[in-house]
């Protein structure tokens, strides 16, 4: 049986991140989302939409300049895949960050995210 992937919650997540609209980003997540992130210095795991939003807001919320340079959304097998590159300035220092995520979507919400992050690379 052929199933159709629902890209819309991941698209909402990426668009909300680009706007730093963390409330709308949280709305793309199921209340019980499992969020695993491989970031420098290692694996971090979060559960729930509020905790997931909080960590993303901690990463990107304080930048005084924030630009999403590119993004793409596709699929790998039965998972939705997204990639984006961000350039930002915080406290006068410029950085770049790339993230790639794989998401499981059910009933119009993201229920699981596995994210790989480059870390914040100084420019």
Foldseek 3Di string as FASTA:
>chain_A
DDDDADCVLVVQLVVCVQVVVLVSNLVQADQFAWEWEQEVPGIDIDTGSVRVSVVSCVVPVQFPDKHWPDKDWDDDVQWIKMKTKMWTHHPRWIWIKIKIWTFHDDPRHTRYIYMYMPYTHTD
